[in-house]
Structure formats: structure tokens, C-alpha cells
Amino acid sequence: MKSLLTLLTYHLLFSSLLIFIIVSGDLPFSEIFLLLVFIPALNKGLTYLKIDSQKTRILNLALCFMILSFPQLMLISSGWKYYLLLTIASLSSITYLYYLYQFVKENQ
């Protein structure tokens, strides 16, 4: 249970930091994908904390795609980019919730 709490704390801190950078920094859409560099760093940090599961890697990736797509949905109001980002956000949210449920079942 301690690993689940640590994982959720890291995800909360990581997502709040990235959303703050995206919303306040006026980053162009093309440069936001450079933030994907944080995924291996987050995976390495969780491995260092002895939370080594394939589910955490998928959780981190889904979290990053949610973070990248939700703030952009607020900026783009119509067109094909909106529907693409809405699809990415929906799929990554479903994936995140499913693997979080699997991770909780694994730790109990």
C-alpha cells in the first residue's frame, strides 16, 4: 500500500508541475512533446523507490498524454485538432484508470 501512495504522490506532483509549465509558459504545441523526456525520468525514479512494475510505466505514459492533451483542449476550440486531442485525452484517461485499478488490485 505504501508503493501505491508513493506512486500517486509522484503522479500528483509531476502532473501539477507540468500543467503549471504548460498553462503559464505559453509553450507552442510543437514544443510540448519535448516534455516527454520526463517519462523515463519518472520511470527511473519509481524504479529507484523499488516500485518496479510494467503497470507503472504504462501509468506514467498515460498520465503524460493526459497532461499534454487536456490543456491544449482549452486552447483549441474547433477543427480536426480538437477531435484528435479529445480522442487522445479520452483514451489515455481510460487507460490510466484501468491500469491504476490493476495496480491497486496487485498491491492488495
N, C-alpha and C. Protein backbone atom coordinates (compact mmCIF):
# COMPACT_ATOMS: atom_id res chain seq x y z
N MET A 1 0.81 -1.19 0.00
CA MET A 1 0.00 0.00 0.00
C MET A 1 0.86 1.26 0.00
N LYS A 2 2.05 1.16 0.59
CA LYS A 2 2.95 2.31 0.61
C LYS A 2 3.40 2.66 -0.80
N SER A 3 3.60 1.66 -1.65
CA SER A 3 4.03 1.94 -3.02
C SER A 3 2.93 2.63 -3.82
N LEU A 4 1.68 2.31 -3.54
CA LEU A 4 0.56 2.96 -4.22
C LEU A 4 0.48 4.43 -3.81
N LEU A 5 0.65 4.71 -2.53
CA LEU A 5 0.64 6.08 -2.05
C LEU A 5 1.80 6.87 -2.64
N THR A 6 2.97 6.26 -2.72
CA THR A 6 4.13 6.92 -3.32
C THR A 6 3.90 7.19 -4.80
N LEU A 7 3.34 6.23 -5.51
CA LEU A 7 3.06 6.41 -6.94
C LEU A 7 2.08 7.55 -7.16
N LEU A 8 1.00 7.58 -6.39
CA LEU A 8 0.02 8.64 -6.56
C LEU A 8 0.57 10.01 -6.17
N THR A 9 1.44 10.05 -5.16
CA THR A 9 2.07 11.31 -4.79
C THR A 9 2.98 11.81 -5.90
N TYR A 10 3.78 10.93 -6.47
CA TYR A 10 4.65 11.31 -7.58
C TYR A 10 3.83 11.78 -8.78
N HIS A 11 2.74 11.09 -9.07
CA HIS A 11 1.90 11.49 -10.20
C HIS A 11 1.25 12.85 -9.96
N LEU A 12 0.82 13.09 -8.74
CA LEU A 12 0.21 14.38 -8.42
C LEU A 12 1.23 15.51 -8.55
N LEU A 13 2.41 15.32 -8.02
CA LEU A 13 3.45 16.36 -8.12
C LEU A 13 3.89 16.57 -9.56
N PHE A 14 4.10 15.48 -10.27
CA PHE A 14 4.54 15.54 -11.67
C PHE A 14 3.50 16.23 -12.54
N SER A 15 2.24 15.86 -12.38
CA SER A 15 1.20 16.45 -13.22
C SER A 15 0.97 17.91 -12.89
N SER A 16 1.01 18.29 -11.62
CA SER A 16 0.82 19.70 -11.28
C SER A 16 1.97 20.55 -11.81
N LEU A 17 3.19 20.04 -11.77
CA LEU A 17 4.33 20.77 -12.31
C LEU A 17 4.20 20.96 -13.82
N LEU A 18 3.89 19.89 -14.54
CA LEU A 18 3.79 20.01 -15.99
C LEU A 18 2.61 20.86 -16.44
N ILE A 19 1.48 20.75 -15.76
CA ILE A 19 0.33 21.59 -16.13
C ILE A 19 0.64 23.05 -15.85
N PHE A 20 1.34 23.34 -14.76
CA PHE A 20 1.74 24.72 -14.48
C PHE A 20 2.66 25.25 -15.58
N ILE A 21 3.61 24.44 -16.03
CA ILE A 21 4.52 24.86 -17.09
C ILE A 21 3.77 25.08 -18.39
N ILE A 22 2.86 24.19 -18.72
CA ILE A 22 2.13 24.30 -19.99
C ILE A 22 1.20 25.51 -19.99
N VAL A 23 0.45 25.69 -18.92
CA VAL A 23 -0.55 26.75 -18.88
C VAL A 23 0.09 28.12 -18.74
N SER A 24 1.09 28.26 -17.90
CA SER A 24 1.67 29.58 -17.67
C SER A 24 2.82 29.93 -18.60
N GLY A 25 3.39 28.95 -19.26
CA GLY A 25 4.57 29.23 -20.05
C GLY A 25 4.33 29.59 -21.49
N ASP A 26 3.10 29.51 -21.98
CA ASP A 26 2.78 29.80 -23.38
C ASP A 26 3.67 29.03 -24.35
N LEU A 27 3.81 27.75 -24.10
CA LEU A 27 4.61 26.91 -24.97
C LEU A 27 3.84 26.60 -26.25
N PRO A 28 4.50 26.64 -27.39
CA PRO A 28 3.82 26.23 -28.63
C PRO A 28 3.51 24.74 -28.60
N PHE A 29 2.54 24.33 -29.37
CA PHE A 29 2.08 22.95 -29.38
C PHE A 29 3.18 22.00 -29.82
N SER A 30 4.03 22.41 -30.75
CA SER A 30 5.07 21.51 -31.26
C SER A 30 6.17 21.27 -30.22
N GLU A 31 6.42 22.22 -29.35
CA GLU A 31 7.48 22.06 -28.35
C GLU A 31 7.02 21.33 -27.10
N ILE A 32 5.73 21.13 -26.94
CA ILE A 32 5.22 20.44 -25.76
C ILE A 32 5.66 18.98 -25.75
N PHE A 33 5.84 18.39 -26.93
CA PHE A 33 6.23 16.99 -26.98
C PHE A 33 7.66 16.77 -26.49
N LEU A 34 8.42 17.84 -26.32
CA LEU A 34 9.74 17.70 -25.69
C LEU A 34 9.62 17.34 -24.21
N LEU A 35 8.45 17.59 -23.63
CA LEU A 35 8.23 17.23 -22.23
C LEU A 35 8.16 15.73 -22.03
N LEU A 36 8.06 14.97 -23.11
CA LEU A 36 8.03 13.51 -22.99
C LEU A 36 9.36 12.95 -22.46
N VAL A 37 10.36 13.79 -22.36
CA VAL A 37 11.64 13.39 -21.78
C VAL A 37 11.46 13.04 -20.30
N PHE A 38 10.44 13.62 -19.68
CA PHE A 38 10.21 13.38 -18.26
C PHE A 38 9.73 11.96 -17.97
N ILE A 39 9.18 11.27 -18.96
CA ILE A 39 8.67 9.91 -18.71
C ILE A 39 9.77 8.95 -18.27
N PRO A 40 10.91 8.87 -19.00
CA PRO A 40 11.97 7.97 -18.50
C PRO A 40 12.50 8.38 -17.13
N ALA A 41 12.53 9.69 -16.86
CA ALA A 41 12.99 10.14 -15.54
C ALA A 41 12.03 9.70 -14.45
N LEU A 42 10.75 9.76 -14.73
CA LEU A 42 9.76 9.31 -13.75
C LEU A 42 9.84 7.80 -13.56
N ASN A 43 10.03 7.06 -14.65
CA ASN A 43 10.18 5.60 -14.54
C ASN A 43 11.42 5.25 -13.72
N LYS A 44 12.52 5.94 -13.95
CA LYS A 44 13.76 5.67 -13.22
C LYS A 44 13.60 6.00 -11.74
N GLY A 45 12.89 7.09 -11.44
CA GLY A 45 12.66 7.46 -10.04
C GLY A 45 11.82 6.43 -9.32
N LEU A 46 10.82 5.88 -9.98
CA LEU A 46 9.99 4.86 -9.34
C LEU A 46 10.74 3.55 -9.19
N THR A 47 11.63 3.24 -10.13
CA THR A 47 12.46 2.04 -10.00
C THR A 47 13.42 2.20 -8.82
N TYR A 48 13.95 3.40 -8.64
CA TYR A 48 14.83 3.68 -7.51
C TYR A 48 14.09 3.50 -6.18
N LEU A 49 12.79 3.80 -6.16
CA LEU A 49 12.00 3.64 -4.95
C LEU A 49 11.45 2.22 -4.79
N LYS A 50 11.93 1.31 -5.61
CA LYS A 50 11.56 -0.10 -5.57
C LYS A 50 10.09 -0.33 -5.94
N ILE A 51 9.57 0.52 -6.81
CA ILE A 51 8.24 0.33 -7.39
C ILE A 51 8.49 -0.04 -8.84
N ASP A 52 8.75 -1.29 -9.09
CA ASP A 52 9.12 -1.73 -10.43
C ASP A 52 8.05 -2.67 -10.95
N SER A 53 7.18 -2.13 -11.77
CA SER A 53 6.10 -2.90 -12.36
C SER A 53 5.86 -2.36 -13.77
N GLN A 54 5.46 -3.23 -14.66
CA GLN A 54 5.16 -2.80 -16.02
C GLN A 54 3.95 -1.87 -16.02
N LYS A 55 3.07 -2.03 -15.05
CA LYS A 55 1.88 -1.18 -14.97
C LYS A 55 2.25 0.27 -14.68
N THR A 56 3.30 0.50 -13.90
CA THR A 56 3.69 1.88 -13.61
C THR A 56 4.21 2.59 -14.84
N ARG A 57 4.88 1.88 -15.72
CA ARG A 57 5.36 2.50 -16.94
C ARG A 57 4.20 2.93 -17.84
N ILE A 58 3.18 2.09 -17.93
CA ILE A 58 2.00 2.43 -18.73
C ILE A 58 1.23 3.55 -18.05
N LEU A 59 1.15 3.54 -16.72
CA LEU A 59 0.50 4.62 -15.99
C LEU A 59 1.21 5.95 -16.24
N ASN A 60 2.53 5.95 -16.23
CA ASN A 60 3.28 7.18 -16.47
C ASN A 60 3.06 7.70 -17.88
N LEU A 61 3.03 6.82 -18.85
CA LEU A 61 2.81 7.23 -20.23
C LEU A 61 1.41 7.78 -20.42
N ALA A 62 0.41 7.12 -19.85
CA ALA A 62 -0.97 7.61 -19.96
C ALA A 62 -1.12 8.96 -19.25
N LEU A 63 -0.46 9.11 -18.11
CA LEU A 63 -0.51 10.38 -17.40
C LEU A 63 0.08 11.50 -18.23
N CYS A 64 1.18 11.24 -18.87
CA CYS A 64 1.83 12.27 -19.68
C CYS A 64 0.96 12.67 -20.86
N PHE A 65 0.33 11.71 -21.52
CA PHE A 65 -0.55 12.06 -22.63
C PHE A 65 -1.79 12.81 -22.16
N MET A 66 -2.28 12.51 -20.97
CA MET A 66 -3.40 13.28 -20.43
C MET A 66 -2.97 14.71 -20.16
N ILE A 67 -1.79 14.87 -19.58
CA ILE A 67 -1.29 16.20 -19.26
C ILE A 67 -1.07 17.02 -20.53
N LEU A 68 -0.58 16.38 -21.57
CA LEU A 68 -0.32 17.11 -22.81
C LEU A 68 -1.58 17.45 -23.58
N SER A 69 -2.62 16.65 -23.46
CA SER A 69 -3.80 16.89 -24.29
C SER A 69 -4.86 17.75 -23.61
N PHE A 70 -5.05 17.64 -22.30
CA PHE A 70 -6.12 18.41 -21.65
C PHE A 70 -5.92 19.93 -21.72
N PRO A 71 -4.75 20.48 -21.41
CA PRO A 71 -4.61 21.94 -21.53
C PRO A 71 -4.75 22.43 -22.99
N GLN A 72 -4.35 21.62 -23.93
CA GLN A 72 -4.49 22.02 -25.33
C GLN A 72 -5.95 22.03 -25.76
N LEU A 73 -6.78 21.21 -25.14
CA LEU A 73 -8.21 21.22 -25.46
C LEU A 73 -8.86 22.55 -25.10
N MET A 74 -8.31 23.22 -24.08
CA MET A 74 -8.84 24.52 -23.70
C MET A 74 -8.47 25.60 -24.70
N LEU A 75 -7.35 25.41 -25.39
CA LEU A 75 -6.88 26.42 -26.33
C LEU A 75 -7.47 26.25 -27.72
N ILE A 76 -7.71 25.03 -28.13
CA ILE A 76 -8.24 24.74 -29.46
C ILE A 76 -9.73 24.46 -29.32
N SER A 77 -10.55 25.26 -29.99
CA SER A 77 -11.99 25.11 -29.80
C SER A 77 -12.70 24.38 -30.93
N SER A 78 -12.09 24.25 -32.07
CA SER A 78 -12.76 23.55 -33.17
C SER A 78 -11.73 23.01 -34.15
N GLY A 79 -12.23 22.26 -35.10
CA GLY A 79 -11.36 21.71 -36.13
C GLY A 79 -10.94 20.29 -35.81
N TRP A 80 -10.10 19.77 -36.69
CA TRP A 80 -9.69 18.38 -36.55
C TRP A 80 -8.73 18.18 -35.38
N LYS A 81 -7.98 19.21 -35.00
CA LYS A 81 -7.05 19.08 -33.86
C LYS A 81 -7.81 18.86 -32.56
N TYR A 82 -8.97 19.51 -32.43
CA TYR A 82 -9.77 19.34 -31.23
C TYR A 82 -10.21 17.89 -31.07
N TYR A 83 -10.72 17.31 -32.14
CA TYR A 83 -11.20 15.92 -32.07
C TYR A 83 -10.05 14.94 -31.85
N LEU A 84 -8.91 15.22 -32.44
CA LEU A 84 -7.74 14.37 -32.22
C LEU A 84 -7.30 14.42 -30.76
N LEU A 85 -7.21 15.63 -30.21
CA LEU A 85 -6.80 15.77 -28.81
C LEU A 85 -7.85 15.20 -27.85
N LEU A 86 -9.12 15.34 -28.20
CA LEU A 86 -10.17 14.77 -27.37
C LEU A 86 -10.09 13.24 -27.36
N THR A 87 -9.79 12.65 -28.50
CA THR A 87 -9.63 11.20 -28.58
C THR A 87 -8.42 10.74 -27.77
N ILE A 88 -7.31 11.45 -27.90
CA ILE A 88 -6.10 11.10 -27.15
C ILE A 88 -6.35 11.24 -25.65
N ALA A 89 -7.00 12.31 -25.24
CA ALA A 89 -7.28 12.52 -23.82
C ALA A 89 -8.22 11.45 -23.27
N SER A 90 -9.23 11.09 -24.04
CA SER A 90 -10.19 10.08 -23.59
C SER A 90 -9.53 8.71 -23.46
N LEU A 91 -8.77 8.32 -24.48
CA LEU A 91 -8.12 7.01 -24.44
C LEU A 91 -7.07 6.93 -23.33
N SER A 92 -6.31 8.00 -23.15
CA SER A 92 -5.29 7.96 -22.10
C SER A 92 -5.93 7.98 -20.71
N SER A 93 -7.06 8.66 -20.56
CA SER A 93 -7.76 8.65 -19.27
C SER A 93 -8.30 7.27 -18.93
N ILE A 94 -8.89 6.61 -19.92
CA ILE A 94 -9.40 5.26 -19.71
C ILE A 94 -8.26 4.30 -19.40
N THR A 95 -7.17 4.42 -20.13
CA THR A 95 -6.01 3.58 -19.89
C THR A 95 -5.44 3.80 -18.50
N TYR A 96 -5.33 5.06 -18.10
CA TYR A 96 -4.79 5.38 -16.78
C TYR A 96 -5.67 4.78 -15.68
N LEU A 97 -6.98 4.97 -15.78
CA LEU A 97 -7.87 4.44 -14.75
C LEU A 97 -7.84 2.91 -14.69
N TYR A 98 -7.78 2.26 -15.85
CA TYR A 98 -7.75 0.80 -15.88
C TYR A 98 -6.47 0.26 -15.23
N TYR A 99 -5.32 0.81 -15.62
CA TYR A 99 -4.07 0.30 -15.06
C TYR A 99 -3.89 0.72 -13.61
N LEU A 100 -4.48 1.83 -13.20
CA LEU A 100 -4.45 2.18 -11.78
C LEU A 100 -5.26 1.17 -10.97
N TYR A 101 -6.39 0.77 -11.51
CA TYR A 101 -7.21 -0.27 -10.86
C TYR A 101 -6.43 -1.59 -10.78
N GLN A 102 -5.75 -1.97 -11.85
CA GLN A 102 -4.95 -3.20 -11.84
C GLN A 102 -3.80 -3.10 -10.83
N PHE A 103 -3.18 -1.93 -10.73
CA PHE A 103 -2.08 -1.73 -9.79
C PHE A 103 -2.58 -1.82 -8.35
N VAL A 104 -3.77 -1.30 -8.08
CA VAL A 104 -4.35 -1.37 -6.74
C VAL A 104 -4.65 -2.83 -6.39
N LYS A 105 -5.22 -3.58 -7.35
CA LYS A 105 -5.50 -4.98 -7.09
C LYS A 105 -4.22 -5.77 -6.86
N GLU A 106 -3.15 -5.41 -7.56
CA GLU A 106 -1.88 -6.11 -7.43
C GLU A 106 -1.27 -5.87 -6.05
N ASN A 107 -1.45 -4.67 -5.50
CA ASN A 107 -0.84 -4.33 -4.22
C ASN A 107 -1.63 -4.78 -3.02
N GLN A 108 -2.87 -5.20 -3.20
CA GLN A 108 -3.66 -5.62 -2.05
C GLN A 108 -3.49 -7.07 -1.75
